[in-house]
PDB file of N, CA and C in Angstrom:
ATOM      1  N   MET A   1     -23.003   1.824   6.252  1.00  0.00           N
ATOM      2  CA  MET A   1     -22.569   1.556   7.606  1.00  0.00           C
ATOM      3  C   MET A   1     -21.404   2.489   7.960  1.00  0.00           C
ATOM      4  N   PHE A   2     -21.406   2.994   9.140  1.00  0.00           N
ATOM      5  CA  PHE A   2     -20.379   3.919   9.610  1.00  0.00           C
ATOM      6  C   PHE A   2     -19.063   3.184   9.816  1.00  0.00           C
ATOM      7  N   ASN A   3     -17.980   3.740   9.268  1.00  0.00           N
ATOM      8  CA  ASN A   3     -16.642   3.168   9.412  1.00  0.00           C
ATOM      9  C   ASN A   3     -15.802   4.142  10.236  1.00  0.00           C
ATOM     10  N   ILE A   4     -15.541   3.780  11.495  1.00  0.00           N
ATOM     11  CA  ILE A   4     -14.814   4.665  12.404  1.00  0.00           C
ATOM     12  C   ILE A   4     -13.401   4.945  11.915  1.00  0.00           C
ATOM     13  N   GLN A   5     -12.765   3.946  11.320  1.00  0.00           N
ATOM     14  CA  GLN A   5     -11.393   4.119  10.845  1.00  0.00           C
ATOM     15  C   GLN A   5     -11.321   5.162   9.733  1.00  0.00           C
ATOM     16  N   GLU A   6     -12.238   5.100   8.776  1.00  0.00           N
ATOM     17  CA  GLU A   6     -12.270   6.090   7.698  1.00  0.00           C
ATOM     18  C   GLU A   6     -12.570   7.484   8.254  1.00  0.00           C
ATOM     19  N   PHE A   7     -13.484   7.550   9.206  1.00  0.00           N
ATOM     20  CA  PHE A   7     -13.846   8.817   9.832  1.00  0.00           C
ATOM     21  C   PHE A   7     -12.632   9.450  10.515  1.00  0.00           C
ATOM     22  N   ILE A   8     -11.900   8.659  11.273  1.00  0.00           N
ATOM     23  CA  ILE A   8     -10.724   9.158  11.989  1.00  0.00           C
ATOM     24  C   ILE A   8      -9.661   9.634  11.009  1.00  0.00           C
ATOM     25  N   GLU A   9      -9.361   8.802  10.008  1.00  0.00           N
ATOM     26  CA  GLU A   9      -8.328   9.161   9.031  1.00  0.00           C
ATOM     27  C   GLU A   9      -8.693  10.451   8.291  1.00  0.00           C
ATOM     28  N   GLU A  10      -9.919  10.527   7.833  1.00  0.00           N
ATOM     29  CA  GLU A  10     -10.357  11.708   7.087  1.00  0.00           C
ATOM     30  C   GLU A  10     -10.293  12.967   7.941  1.00  0.00           C
ATOM     31  N   ASN A  11     -10.749  12.875   9.167  1.00  0.00           N
ATOM     32  CA  ASN A  11     -10.787  14.060  10.021  1.00  0.00           C
ATOM     33  C   ASN A  11      -9.413  14.492  10.503  1.00  0.00           C
ATOM     34  N   LEU A  12      -8.517  13.557  10.747  1.00  0.00           N
ATOM     35  CA  LEU A  12      -7.158  13.940  11.142  1.00  0.00           C
ATOM     36  C   LEU A  12      -6.415  14.595   9.984  1.00  0.00           C
ATOM     37  N   THR A  13      -6.546  14.033   8.787  1.00  0.00           N
ATOM     38  CA  THR A  13      -5.842  14.608   7.639  1.00  0.00           C
ATOM     39  C   THR A  13      -6.446  15.955   7.245  1.00  0.00           C
ATOM     40  N   GLU A  14      -7.761  16.069   7.248  1.00  0.00           N
ATOM     41  CA  GLU A  14      -8.390  17.351   6.932  1.00  0.00           C
ATOM     42  C   GLU A  14      -8.108  18.383   8.022  1.00  0.00           C
ATOM     43  N   GLY A  15      -8.101  17.933   9.257  1.00  0.00           N
ATOM     44  CA  GLY A  15      -7.777  18.833  10.362  1.00  0.00           C
ATOM     45  C   GLY A  15      -6.372  19.377  10.259  1.00  0.00           C
ATOM     46  N   TYR A  16      -5.469  18.556   9.770  1.00  0.00           N
ATOM     47  CA  TYR A  16      -4.099  19.026   9.566  1.00  0.00           C
ATOM     48  C   TYR A  16      -4.051  20.067   8.447  1.00  0.00           C
ATOM     49  N   LEU A  17      -4.738  19.776   7.340  1.00  0.00           N
ATOM     50  CA  LEU A  17      -4.698  20.683   6.194  1.00  0.00           C
ATOM     51  C   LEU A  17      -5.354  22.029   6.476  1.00  0.00           C
ATOM     52  N   ASN A  18      -6.383  22.040   7.336  1.00  0.00           N
ATOM     53  CA  ASN A  18      -7.034  23.326   7.603  1.00  0.00           C
ATOM     54  C   ASN A  18      -6.484  23.989   8.879  1.00  0.00           C
ATOM     55  N   HIS A  19      -5.341  23.491   9.343  1.00  0.00           N
ATOM     56  CA  HIS A  19      -4.599  24.075  10.468  1.00  0.00           C
ATOM     57  C   HIS A  19      -5.301  23.906  11.815  1.00  0.00           C
ATOM     58  N   ALA A  20      -6.213  22.958  11.913  1.00  0.00           N
ATOM     59  CA  ALA A  20      -6.842  22.688  13.207  1.00  0.00           C
ATOM     60  C   ALA A  20      -5.886  21.909  14.111  1.00  0.00           C
ATOM     61  N   PHE A  21      -5.001  21.116  13.494  1.00  0.00           N
ATOM     62  CA  PHE A  21      -4.023  20.306  14.240  1.00  0.00           C
ATOM     63  C   PHE A  21      -2.636  20.526  13.664  1.00  0.00           C
ATOM     64  N   PHE A  22      -1.642  20.498  14.537  1.00  0.00           N
ATOM     65  CA  PHE A  22      -0.248  20.522  14.108  1.00  0.00           C
ATOM     66  C   PHE A  22       0.209  19.100  13.818  1.00  0.00           C
ATOM     67  N   GLU A  23       1.364  18.975  13.168  1.00  0.00           N
ATOM     68  CA  GLU A  23       1.902  17.667  12.797  1.00  0.00           C
ATOM     69  C   GLU A  23       1.979  16.728  14.003  1.00  0.00           C
ATOM     70  N   ASN A  24       2.556  17.197  15.092  1.00  0.00           N
ATOM     71  CA  ASN A  24       2.722  16.338  16.268  1.00  0.00           C
ATOM     72  C   ASN A  24       1.385  15.933  16.880  1.00  0.00           C
ATOM     73  N   GLN A  25       0.419  16.826  16.848  1.00  0.00           N
ATOM     74  CA  GLN A  25      -0.901  16.492  17.377  1.00  0.00           C
ATOM     75  C   GLN A  25      -1.528  15.353  16.585  1.00  0.00           C
ATOM     76  N   VAL A  26      -1.457  15.423  15.270  1.00  0.00           N
ATOM     77  CA  VAL A  26      -2.044  14.380  14.429  1.00  0.00           C
ATOM     78  C   VAL A  26      -1.385  13.043  14.732  1.00  0.00           C
ATOM     79  N   LYS A  27      -0.068  13.044  14.862  1.00  0.00           N
ATOM     80  CA  LYS A  27       0.647  11.795  15.142  1.00  0.00           C
ATOM     81  C   LYS A  27       0.277  11.225  16.516  1.00  0.00           C
ATOM     82  N   ILE A  28       0.154  12.085  17.492  1.00  0.00           N
ATOM     83  CA  ILE A  28      -0.225  11.625  18.839  1.00  0.00           C
ATOM     84  C   ILE A  28      -1.656  11.103  18.847  1.00  0.00           C
ATOM     85  N   PHE A  29      -2.570  11.845  18.219  1.00  0.00           N
ATOM     86  CA  PHE A  29      -3.959  11.387  18.145  1.00  0.00           C
ATOM     87  C   PHE A  29      -4.037  10.041  17.443  1.00  0.00           C
ATOM     88  N   ALA A  30      -3.323   9.902  16.324  1.00  0.00           N
ATOM     89  CA  ALA A  30      -3.348   8.650  15.568  1.00  0.00           C
ATOM     90  C   ALA A  30      -2.798   7.497  16.408  1.00  0.00           C
ATOM     91  N   LEU A  31      -1.735   7.748  17.150  1.00  0.00           N
ATOM     92  CA  LEU A  31      -1.172   6.702  18.011  1.00  0.00           C
ATOM     93  C   LEU A  31      -2.161   6.292  19.097  1.00  0.00           C
ATOM     94  N   ASN A  32      -2.854   7.266  19.658  1.00  0.00           N
ATOM     95  CA  ASN A  32      -3.861   6.946  20.665  1.00  0.00           C
ATOM     96  C   ASN A  32      -4.989   6.091  20.084  1.00  0.00           C
ATOM     97  N   TYR A  33      -5.443   6.430  18.882  1.00  0.00           N
ATOM     98  CA  TYR A  33      -6.488   5.624  18.235  1.00  0.00           C
ATOM     99  C   TYR A  33      -5.976   4.223  17.930  1.00  0.00           C
ATOM    100  N   LEU A  34      -4.712   4.115  17.526  1.00  0.00           N
ATOM    101  CA  LEU A  34      -4.115   2.807  17.258  1.00  0.00           C
ATOM    102  C   LEU A  34      -4.050   1.975  18.534  1.00  0.00           C
ATOM    103  N   ASN A  35      -3.599   2.569  19.617  1.00  0.00           N
ATOM    104  CA  ASN A  35      -3.492   1.860  20.894  1.00  0.00           C
ATOM    105  C   ASN A  35      -4.845   1.405  21.431  1.00  0.00           C
ATOM    106  N   ARG A  36      -5.898   2.161  21.116  1.00  0.00           N
ATOM    107  CA  ARG A  36      -7.249   1.795  21.559  1.00  0.00           C
ATOM    108  C   ARG A  36      -7.912   0.794  20.622  1.00  0.00           C
ATOM    109  N   GLY A  37      -7.256   0.497  19.498  1.00  0.00           N
ATOM    110  CA  GLY A  37      -7.815  -0.447  18.542  1.00  0.00           C
ATOM    111  C   GLY A  37      -8.872   0.150  17.631  1.00  0.00           C
ATOM    112  N   GLN A  38      -8.934   1.478  17.568  1.00  0.00           N
ATOM    113  CA  GLN A  38      -9.929   2.130  16.720  1.00  0.00           C
ATOM    114  C   GLN A  38      -9.459   2.262  15.282  1.00  0.00           C
ATOM    115  N   ILE A  39      -8.131   2.200  15.073  1.00  0.00           N
ATOM    116  CA  ILE A  39      -7.576   2.147  13.728  1.00  0.00           C
ATOM    117  C   ILE A  39      -6.528   1.040  13.704  1.00  0.00           C
ATOM    118  N   GLU A  40      -6.211   0.569  12.497  1.00  0.00           N
ATOM    119  CA  GLU A  40      -5.189  -0.468  12.338  1.00  0.00           C
ATOM    120  C   GLU A  40      -3.856   0.178  11.979  1.00  0.00           C
ATOM    121  N   GLN A  41      -2.797  -0.603  12.073  1.00  0.00           N
ATOM    122  CA  GLN A  41      -1.453  -0.106  11.791  1.00  0.00           C
ATOM    123  C   GLN A  41      -1.364   0.516  10.397  1.00  0.00           C
ATOM    124  N   GLU A  42      -1.989  -0.098   9.422  1.00  0.00           N
ATOM    125  CA  GLU A  42      -1.963   0.417   8.056  1.00  0.00           C
ATOM    126  C   GLU A  42      -2.552   1.825   7.972  1.00  0.00           C
ATOM    127  N   CYS A  43      -3.640   2.058   8.668  1.00  0.00           N
ATOM    128  CA  CYS A  43      -4.275   3.374   8.699  1.00  0.00           C
ATOM    129  C   CYS A  43      -3.362   4.380   9.408  1.00  0.00           C
ATOM    130  N   PHE A  44      -2.773   3.974  10.512  1.00  0.00           N
ATOM    131  CA  PHE A  44      -1.832   4.830  11.238  1.00  0.00           C
ATOM    132  C   PHE A  44      -0.678   5.243  10.320  1.00  0.00           C
ATOM    133  N   ASP A  45      -0.150   4.284   9.564  1.00  0.00           N
ATOM    134  CA  ASP A  45       0.953   4.565   8.652  1.00  0.00           C
ATOM    135  C   ASP A  45       0.542   5.552   7.562  1.00  0.00           C
ATOM    136  N   ARG A  46      -0.671   5.414   7.033  1.00  0.00           N
ATOM    137  CA  ARG A  46      -1.161   6.336   6.006  1.00  0.00           C
ATOM    138  C   ARG A  46      -1.279   7.756   6.563  1.00  0.00           C
ATOM    139  N   ILE A  47      -1.798   7.870   7.771  1.00  0.00           N
ATOM    140  CA  ILE A  47      -1.973   9.185   8.397  1.00  0.00           C
ATOM    141  C   ILE A  47      -0.619   9.853   8.615  1.00  0.00           C
ATOM    142  N   THR A  48       0.330   9.141   9.204  1.00  0.00           N
ATOM    143  CA  THR A  48       1.635   9.745   9.481  1.00  0.00           C
ATOM    144  C   THR A  48       2.379  10.070   8.185  1.00  0.00           C
ATOM    145  N   LYS A  49       2.255   9.220   7.173  1.00  0.00           N
ATOM    146  CA  LYS A  49       2.895   9.493   5.881  1.00  0.00           C
ATOM    147  C   LYS A  49       2.272  10.734   5.241  1.00  0.00           C
ATOM    148  N   PHE A  50       0.959  10.859   5.331  1.00  0.00           N
ATOM    149  CA  PHE A  50       0.282  12.029   4.773  1.00  0.00           C
ATOM    150  C   PHE A  50       0.819  13.311   5.399  1.00  0.00           C
ATOM    151  N   VAL A  51       0.940  13.318   6.711  1.00  0.00           N
ATOM    152  CA  VAL A  51       1.414  14.518   7.405  1.00  0.00           C
ATOM    153  C   VAL A  51       2.862  14.808   7.023  1.00  0.00           C
ATOM    154  N   GLU A  52       3.686  13.784   6.992  1.00  0.00           N
ATOM    155  CA  GLU A  52       5.087  13.982   6.647  1.00  0.00           C
ATOM    156  C   GLU A  52       5.235  14.471   5.206  1.00  0.00           C
ATOM    157  N   ASP A  53       4.419  13.958   4.299  1.00  0.00           N
ATOM    158  CA  ASP A  53       4.475  14.380   2.897  1.00  0.00           C
ATOM    159  C   ASP A  53       3.971  15.804   2.700  1.00  0.00           C
ATOM    160  N   ASN A  54       3.172  16.305   3.632  1.00  0.00           N
ATOM    161  CA  ASN A  54       2.591  17.641   3.509  1.00  0.00           C
ATOM    162  C   ASN A  54       3.167  18.629   4.510  1.00  0.00           C
ATOM    163  N   GLU A  55       4.300  18.322   5.109  1.00  0.00           N
ATOM    164  CA  GLU A  55       4.952  19.213   6.058  1.00  0.00           C
ATOM    165  C   GLU A  55       6.026  19.989   5.328  1.00  0.00           C
ATOM    166  N   PRO A  56       6.193  21.281   5.431  1.00  0.00           N
ATOM    167  CA  PRO A  56       5.294  22.142   6.185  1.00  0.00           C
ATOM    168  C   PRO A  56       3.956  22.266   5.472  1.00  0.00           C
ATOM    169  N   TYR A  57       3.026  22.936   6.115  1.00  0.00           N
ATOM    170  CA  TYR A  57       1.711  23.101   5.510  1.00  0.00           C
ATOM    171  C   TYR A  57       1.886  23.505   4.050  1.00  0.00           C
ATOM    172  N   PRO A  58       1.101  22.948   3.148  1.00  0.00           N
ATOM    173  CA  PRO A  58       1.270  23.239   1.716  1.00  0.00           C
ATOM    174  C   PRO A  58       1.285  24.731   1.378  1.00  0.00           C
ATOM    175  N   GLU A  59       0.451  25.524   1.997  1.00  0.00           N
ATOM    176  CA  GLU A  59       0.399  26.951   1.691  1.00  0.00           C
ATOM    177  C   GLU A  59       1.721  27.630   2.043  1.00  0.00           C
ATOM    178  N   GLU A  60       2.320  27.247   3.178  1.00  0.00           N
ATOM    179  CA  GLU A  60       3.576  27.851   3.595  1.00  0.00           C
ATOM    180  C   GLU A  60       4.678  27.486   2.615  1.00  0.00           C
ATOM    181  N   ASN A  61       4.681  26.274   2.135  1.00  0.00           N
ATOM    182  CA  ASN A  61       5.692  25.818   1.203  1.00  0.00           C
ATOM    183  C   ASN A  61       5.613  26.615  -0.098  1.00  0.00           C
ATOM    184  N   GLU A  62       4.406  26.882  -0.592  1.00  0.00           N
ATOM    185  CA  GLU A  62       4.225  27.646  -1.813  1.00  0.00           C
ATOM    186  C   GLU A  62       4.736  29.069  -1.645  1.00  0.00           C
ATOM    187  N   GLU A  63       4.503  29.663  -0.484  1.00  0.00           N
ATOM    188  CA  GLU A  63       4.964  31.020  -0.234  1.00  0.00           C
ATOM    189  C   GLU A  63       6.481  31.086  -0.236  1.00  0.00           C
ATOM    190  N   ASN A  64       7.131  30.046   0.280  1.00  0.00           N
ATOM    191  CA  ASN A  64       8.581  30.029   0.367  1.00  0.00           C
ATOM    192  C   ASN A  64       9.239  29.889  -1.006  1.00  0.00           C
ATOM    193  N   LEU A  65       8.495  29.487  -2.023  1.00  0.00           N
ATOM    194  CA  LEU A  65       9.060  29.319  -3.345  1.00  0.00           C
ATOM    195  C   LEU A  65       9.134  30.636  -4.110  1.00  0.00           C
ATOM    196  N   GLU A  66       8.419  31.648  -3.642  1.00  0.00           N
ATOM    197  CA  GLU A  66       8.418  32.946  -4.301  1.00  0.00           C
ATOM    198  C   GLU A  66       9.701  33.688  -3.962  1.00  0.00           C
ATOM    199  N   PRO A  67      10.267  34.423  -4.934  1.00  0.00           N
ATOM    200  CA  PRO A  67      11.503  35.190  -4.624  1.00  0.00           C
ATOM    201  C   PRO A  67      11.175  36.307  -3.641  1.00  0.00           C
ATOM    202  N   PRO A  68      12.117  36.637  -2.788  1.00  0.00           N
ATOM    203  CA  PRO A  68      11.874  37.715  -1.806  1.00  0.00           C
ATOM    204  C   PRO A  68      11.714  39.057  -2.513  1.00  0.00           C
ATOM    205  N   GLU A  69      10.879  39.897  -1.926  1.00  0.00           N
ATOM    206  CA  GLU A  69      10.653  41.241  -2.489  1.00  0.00           C
ATOM    207  C   GLU A  69      11.826  42.126  -2.105  1.00  0.00           C
ATOM    208  N   GLU A  70      12.225  43.007  -3.026  1.00  0.00           N
ATOM    209  CA  GLU A  70      13.347  43.911  -2.747  1.00  0.00           C
ATOM    210  C   GLU A  70      12.895  45.336  -2.693  1.00  0.00           C
TER     211      GLU A  70
END
């Protein structure tokens, strides 16, 4: 059976990781889904925590750990 909440959570988090959405976009989209009753508060919290835990984008963070070239 199709679970809309799982679909939304998966697509927002994957969309963030593949740079389809920025942090603020994911949070706004998630809030809109919450307000419409398509996701529950717990799901909204997981989505926002995921984005906050992965900000900045993981690839950018890894690049910043390398010493600057001279």
